[in-house]
Structure formats: C-alpha cells, structure tokens
N, C-alpha and C. Protein backbone atom coordinates (compact mmCIF):
# COMPACT_ATOMS: atom_id res chain seq x y z
N UNK A 1 14.03 -4.01 -4.15
CA UNK A 1 13.61 -4.98 -3.24
C UNK A 1 13.78 -4.65 -1.85
N UNK A 2 12.68 -5.49 -1.08
CA UNK A 2 12.55 -5.12 0.42
C UNK A 2 13.82 -5.61 1.29
N UNK A 3 14.30 -6.42 0.85
CA UNK A 3 15.56 -6.68 1.80
C UNK A 3 16.59 -6.03 1.66
N UNK A 4 16.86 -5.37 0.63
CA UNK A 4 18.12 -4.63 0.55
C UNK A 4 17.90 -3.38 1.57
N UNK A 5 19.20 -2.76 1.76
CA UNK A 5 19.03 -1.48 2.51
C UNK A 5 19.57 -0.41 1.55
N UNK A 6 18.58 0.43 1.47
CA UNK A 6 18.47 1.40 0.49
C UNK A 6 18.46 2.66 1.33
N UNK A 7 19.47 3.70 0.98
CA UNK A 7 19.69 4.95 1.66
C UNK A 7 18.42 5.88 1.17
N UNK A 8 17.63 5.74 0.14
CA UNK A 8 16.82 6.65 -0.24
C UNK A 8 15.49 6.14 0.19
N UNK A 9 15.33 4.89 0.88
CA UNK A 9 14.01 4.37 1.32
C UNK A 9 14.00 4.60 2.89
N UNK A 10 12.95 5.56 3.45
CA UNK A 10 13.01 5.80 4.72
C UNK A 10 12.79 4.68 5.74
N UNK A 11 11.84 3.51 5.19
CA UNK A 11 11.71 2.44 5.76
C UNK A 11 12.64 1.21 5.91
N UNK A 12 13.59 1.57 5.45
CA UNK A 12 15.02 0.49 5.31
C UNK A 12 15.62 0.38 6.54
N UNK A 13 15.11 1.18 7.72
CA UNK A 13 15.91 1.13 8.84
C UNK A 13 15.47 -0.06 9.76
N UNK A 14 16.04 -0.42 10.76
CA UNK A 14 15.67 -1.42 11.71
C UNK A 14 14.48 -1.01 12.67
N UNK A 15 14.71 0.34 13.23
CA UNK A 15 13.91 0.94 14.24
C UNK A 15 13.45 2.36 13.59
N UNK A 16 12.44 2.75 13.63
CA UNK A 16 12.03 4.00 13.08
C UNK A 16 11.88 5.06 14.45
N UNK A 17 12.69 6.09 14.09
CA UNK A 17 12.77 7.20 15.05
C UNK A 17 11.70 8.42 14.90
N UNK A 18 11.36 8.75 14.09
CA UNK A 18 10.37 9.81 13.89
C UNK A 18 9.53 9.52 12.70
N UNK A 19 8.68 10.31 12.29
CA UNK A 19 7.57 10.13 11.28
C UNK A 19 8.31 10.31 9.92
N UNK A 20 7.88 9.39 8.90
CA UNK A 20 8.33 9.37 7.75
C UNK A 20 7.41 9.09 6.66
N UNK A 21 7.51 9.52 5.54
CA UNK A 21 6.63 9.70 4.43
C UNK A 21 6.98 8.25 3.19
N UNK A 22 6.44 7.54 2.82
CA UNK A 22 6.89 6.39 1.82
C UNK A 22 5.71 6.20 1.00
N UNK A 23 5.80 6.58 -0.37
CA UNK A 23 4.91 6.57 -1.33
C UNK A 23 3.63 7.16 -0.87
N UNK A 24 3.69 8.49 -0.35
CA UNK A 24 2.64 9.09 -0.06
C UNK A 24 2.00 8.73 1.02
N UNK A 25 2.39 7.81 1.83
CA UNK A 25 1.92 7.24 3.13
C UNK A 25 2.86 7.77 4.37
N UNK A 26 2.05 7.98 5.32
CA UNK A 26 2.80 8.61 6.60
C UNK A 26 3.16 7.48 7.55
N UNK A 27 4.12 7.07 8.04
CA UNK A 27 4.49 5.97 8.82
C UNK A 27 4.97 6.70 10.14
N UNK A 28 4.43 6.34 11.23
CA UNK A 28 4.89 6.83 12.53
C UNK A 28 5.29 5.66 13.47
N UNK A 29 6.25 5.83 14.34
CA UNK A 29 6.61 4.95 15.42
C UNK A 29 5.51 4.67 16.31
N UNK A 30 5.38 3.56 16.84
CA UNK A 30 4.31 3.31 17.58
C UNK A 30 4.91 2.11 18.59
N UNK A 31 5.99 2.60 19.46
CA UNK A 31 6.80 1.89 20.23
C UNK A 31 5.86 1.31 21.49
N UNK A 32 6.38 0.18 21.84
CA UNK A 32 5.86 -0.40 23.05
C UNK A 32 6.93 -1.30 23.78
N UNK A 33 6.59 -1.70 24.91
CA UNK A 33 7.63 -2.68 25.75
C UNK A 33 8.23 -3.90 24.77
N UNK A 34 6.97 -4.60 24.43
CA UNK A 34 7.23 -5.87 23.91
C UNK A 34 7.91 -5.62 22.37
N UNK A 35 7.43 -4.52 21.67
CA UNK A 35 7.64 -4.50 20.45
C UNK A 35 8.31 -3.08 20.37
N UNK A 36 9.51 -2.82 20.48
CA UNK A 36 10.17 -1.53 20.47
C UNK A 36 10.26 -0.79 18.79
N UNK A 37 10.29 -1.94 17.82
CA UNK A 37 10.29 -1.48 16.62
C UNK A 37 8.86 -1.32 15.64
N UNK A 38 7.92 -1.37 16.73
CA UNK A 38 6.57 -1.29 15.95
C UNK A 38 6.27 0.09 15.37
N UNK A 39 5.61 0.00 14.07
CA UNK A 39 5.12 1.28 13.46
C UNK A 39 3.66 1.39 13.17
N UNK A 40 3.33 2.35 12.91
CA UNK A 40 1.64 2.50 12.65
C UNK A 40 1.57 3.76 11.34
N UNK A 41 0.71 3.19 10.49
CA UNK A 41 0.26 3.97 9.37
C UNK A 41 -0.56 5.00 9.80
N UNK A 42 -0.13 6.29 9.89
CA UNK A 42 -1.12 7.46 10.09
C UNK A 42 -2.01 8.06 8.97
N UNK A 43 -1.28 8.11 7.88
CA UNK A 43 -2.22 8.63 6.77
C UNK A 43 -1.84 7.82 5.68
N UNK A 44 -2.90 7.93 4.71
CA UNK A 44 -2.65 6.91 3.50
C UNK A 44 -3.59 7.84 2.17
N UNK A 45 -3.46 7.47 1.08
CA UNK A 45 -4.22 8.15 0.07
C UNK A 45 -5.69 7.30 0.18
N UNK A 46 -6.74 7.77 -0.62
CA UNK A 46 -8.03 7.46 -0.58
C UNK A 46 -8.06 5.95 -1.18
N UNK A 47 -7.11 5.81 -2.08
CA UNK A 47 -6.97 4.52 -2.84
C UNK A 47 -6.64 3.30 -2.02
N UNK A 48 -5.84 3.66 -1.06
CA UNK A 48 -5.15 2.72 -0.17
C UNK A 48 -5.58 2.91 1.10
N UNK A 49 -6.92 3.45 1.53
CA UNK A 49 -7.28 3.76 3.01
C UNK A 49 -7.33 2.56 3.88
N UNK A 50 -7.60 1.33 3.27
CA UNK A 50 -7.68 0.14 3.87
C UNK A 50 -6.47 -0.09 5.14
N UNK A 51 -5.31 0.38 4.66
CA UNK A 51 -4.25 0.14 5.64
C UNK A 51 -4.05 1.23 6.75
N UNK A 52 -4.66 2.34 6.68
CA UNK A 52 -4.79 3.44 7.47
C UNK A 52 -5.01 3.02 8.83
N UNK A 53 -4.35 3.37 9.99
CA UNK A 53 -4.36 2.85 11.28
C UNK A 53 -3.74 1.49 11.72
N UNK A 54 -3.40 0.93 10.80
CA UNK A 54 -2.70 -0.45 11.00
C UNK A 54 -1.35 -0.68 11.77
N UNK A 55 -0.95 -1.43 12.56
CA UNK A 55 0.30 -1.39 13.12
C UNK A 55 1.01 -2.57 12.58
N UNK A 56 2.29 -2.46 12.57
CA UNK A 56 3.40 -3.53 12.03
C UNK A 56 4.42 -3.52 13.00
N UNK A 57 4.90 -4.90 13.02
CA UNK A 57 6.05 -5.08 14.11
C UNK A 57 7.39 -4.28 13.67
N UNK A 58 7.51 -4.02 12.41
CA UNK A 58 9.02 -3.29 12.05
C UNK A 58 8.70 -2.45 10.71
N UNK A 59 9.36 -1.62 10.33
CA UNK A 59 9.15 -0.87 9.31
C UNK A 59 9.15 -1.65 7.96
N UNK A 60 9.93 -2.78 7.99
CA UNK A 60 9.91 -3.44 6.64
C UNK A 60 8.67 -4.33 6.49
N UNK A 61 7.94 -4.58 7.55
CA UNK A 61 6.46 -5.23 7.16
C UNK A 61 5.55 -4.11 6.62
N UNK A 62 5.50 -3.06 7.24
CA UNK A 62 5.07 -1.76 6.72
C UNK A 62 5.19 -1.27 5.33
N UNK A 63 6.15 -1.48 5.02
CA UNK A 63 6.76 -1.36 3.73
C UNK A 63 5.98 -2.46 2.80
N UNK A 64 6.12 -3.52 2.95
CA UNK A 64 5.46 -4.66 2.26
C UNK A 64 3.90 -4.22 2.20
N UNK A 65 3.39 -4.01 3.31
CA UNK A 65 2.03 -3.59 3.14
C UNK A 65 1.60 -2.49 2.52
N UNK A 66 2.30 -1.56 2.32
CA UNK A 66 2.00 -0.33 1.54
C UNK A 66 2.34 -0.86 0.00
N UNK A 67 3.22 -1.48 -0.42
CA UNK A 67 3.33 -1.90 -1.53
C UNK A 67 2.38 -2.81 -2.00
N UNK A 68 1.95 -3.69 -1.21
CA UNK A 68 0.75 -4.69 -1.70
C UNK A 68 -0.58 -3.71 -1.78
N UNK A 69 -0.74 -3.06 -0.90
CA UNK A 69 -1.95 -2.37 -1.40
C UNK A 69 -2.02 -1.41 -2.30
N UNK A 70 -0.89 -0.81 -2.88
CA UNK A 70 -0.81 -0.02 -3.92
C UNK A 70 -0.85 -0.90 -5.24
N UNK A 71 -0.25 -2.11 -5.17
CA UNK A 71 -0.32 -3.09 -6.38
C UNK A 71 -1.88 -3.61 -6.32
N UNK A 72 -2.56 -4.01 -5.37
CA UNK A 72 -3.73 -4.55 -5.47
C UNK A 72 -4.62 -3.37 -6.19
N UNK A 73 -4.73 -2.01 -5.74
CA UNK A 73 -5.51 -1.19 -6.16
C UNK A 73 -5.08 -0.58 -7.86
N UNK A 74 -3.86 -1.05 -8.05
CA UNK A 74 -3.69 -0.85 -9.65
C UNK A 74 -4.39 -2.28 -10.37
N UNK A 75 -4.30 -3.33 -9.66
CA UNK A 75 -4.89 -4.32 -10.58
C UNK A 75 -6.36 -4.24 -10.52
N UNK A 76 -6.87 -3.73 -9.57
CA UNK A 76 -8.40 -3.50 -9.74
C UNK A 76 -8.64 -2.57 -10.60
N UNK A 77 -7.87 -1.30 -10.57
CA UNK A 77 -8.08 -0.38 -11.65
C UNK A 77 -7.85 -0.77 -12.90
N UNK A 78 -7.11 -1.72 -13.15
CA UNK A 78 -6.55 -2.21 -14.37
C UNK A 78 -7.91 -2.94 -15.05
N UNK A 79 -8.34 -3.63 -14.35
CA UNK A 79 -9.64 -4.61 -14.78
C UNK A 79 -10.58 -3.94 -14.97
N UNK A 80 -10.83 -2.69 -14.53
CA UNK A 80 -12.17 -1.92 -14.80
C UNK A 80 -11.71 -1.09 -16.28
N UNK A 81 -10.45 -0.86 -16.26
CA UNK A 81 -10.18 -0.13 -17.72
C UNK A 81 -10.31 -0.99 -18.96
N UNK A 82 -9.83 -2.29 -18.65
CA UNK A 82 -9.93 -3.30 -19.77
C UNK A 82 -11.27 -3.69 -20.05
N UNK A 83 -12.29 -3.59 -19.05
CA UNK A 83 -13.55 -3.99 -19.51
C UNK A 83 -14.17 -2.63 -20.29
N UNK A 84 -13.94 -1.43 -19.89
CA UNK A 84 -14.35 -0.31 -20.37
C UNK A 84 -13.76 -0.37 -21.86
N UNK A 85 -12.58 -0.60 -21.99
CA UNK A 85 -12.01 -0.61 -23.62
C UNK A 85 -12.57 -1.57 -24.35
N UNK A 86 -12.80 -2.71 -23.97
CA UNK A 86 -13.26 -3.96 -24.62
C UNK A 86 -14.94 -3.40 -24.94
N UNK A 87 -15.74 -2.90 -24.10
CA UNK A 87 -17.09 -2.12 -24.32
C UNK A 87 -16.88 -1.28 -25.29
N UNK A 88 -15.89 -0.23 -25.49
CA UNK A 88 -15.96 0.77 -26.46
C UNK A 88 -15.73 0.25 -27.84
N UNK A 89 -14.72 -0.89 -27.88
CA UNK A 89 -14.75 -1.39 -29.22
C UNK A 89 -15.54 -2.25 -29.89
N UNK A 90 -16.80 -2.57 -28.99
CA UNK A 90 -17.64 -3.34 -29.27
C UNK A 90 -17.49 -4.85 -29.20
N UNK A 91 -16.27 -5.10 -28.35
CA UNK A 91 -16.10 -6.62 -28.45
C UNK A 91 -16.68 -7.29 -27.18
N UNK A 92 -17.10 -6.49 -26.22
CA UNK A 92 -17.94 -7.03 -25.01
C UNK A 92 -19.54 -6.63 -25.29
N UNK A 93 -20.05 -7.79 -25.26
CA UNK A 93 -21.35 -7.38 -25.27
C UNK A 93 -22.37 -7.84 -24.12
N UNK A 94 -23.34 -7.19 -23.72
CA UNK A 94 -24.11 -7.47 -22.72
C UNK A 94 -25.22 -8.76 -23.03
N UNK A 95 -25.29 -9.55 -22.05
CA UNK A 95 -26.28 -10.70 -22.39
C UNK A 95 -27.77 -10.08 -22.14
N UNK A 96 -28.57 -10.39 -23.28
CA UNK A 96 -29.73 -9.92 -23.34
C UNK A 96 -30.65 -10.83 -22.37
N UNK A 97 -31.89 -10.36 -21.60
CA UNK A 97 -32.72 -10.85 -20.75
C UNK A 97 -33.59 -11.83 -21.53
N UNK A 98 -33.93 -11.58 -22.73
CA UNK A 98 -35.05 -12.17 -23.71
C UNK A 98 -34.34 -13.03 -24.76
C-alpha cells in the first residue's frame, strides 16, 4: 500500500535526496522554493513513456502515478491478448460487409 512506510521502497520517504529507481523508472529530486519535496520522472520504460518528464509534488504522488501507468498498460495489453485468444479459437468472428 502507498500509505505504509516501507524500507524497501525508495519513494516512501517524505523528501527525496538523490536519484532513485522504482519499478524500472528513474525518479530525481526537482526541488524549488515553493515545493521542496518535488520530484521528476527522468527515465521510464517504453510502455509507460507518457509519464517521462512529469513532475510531482512529493515522492508518494510519483509512486501513485508510476503504479497507475503500469496498471493501465497491463489492462490495455490484456484486452488485446483476449481478443487474439478468442479469434484463435474461432469464437470471435468478423462482420462481413455483404
């Protein structure tokens, strides 16, 4: 869970001091005067490249965004696999134009 403090999770801290990796995503601190806990996603895998370069007000919000992007990519991938499997067993038929 995100609210638990986990010693194995590098994003479970209040303020990020240096660059860390979480689920193959590189998160770096992007401090400024207004938000001293701000972080930025520096690198991400191709399947979740939509979050690359985004900034979050704290490491916990970045963790939520990473987990959300990974979950969405799994859901999209799963739907394609289901259609492919149904087509392979002959259950899914294409509508004919005539």
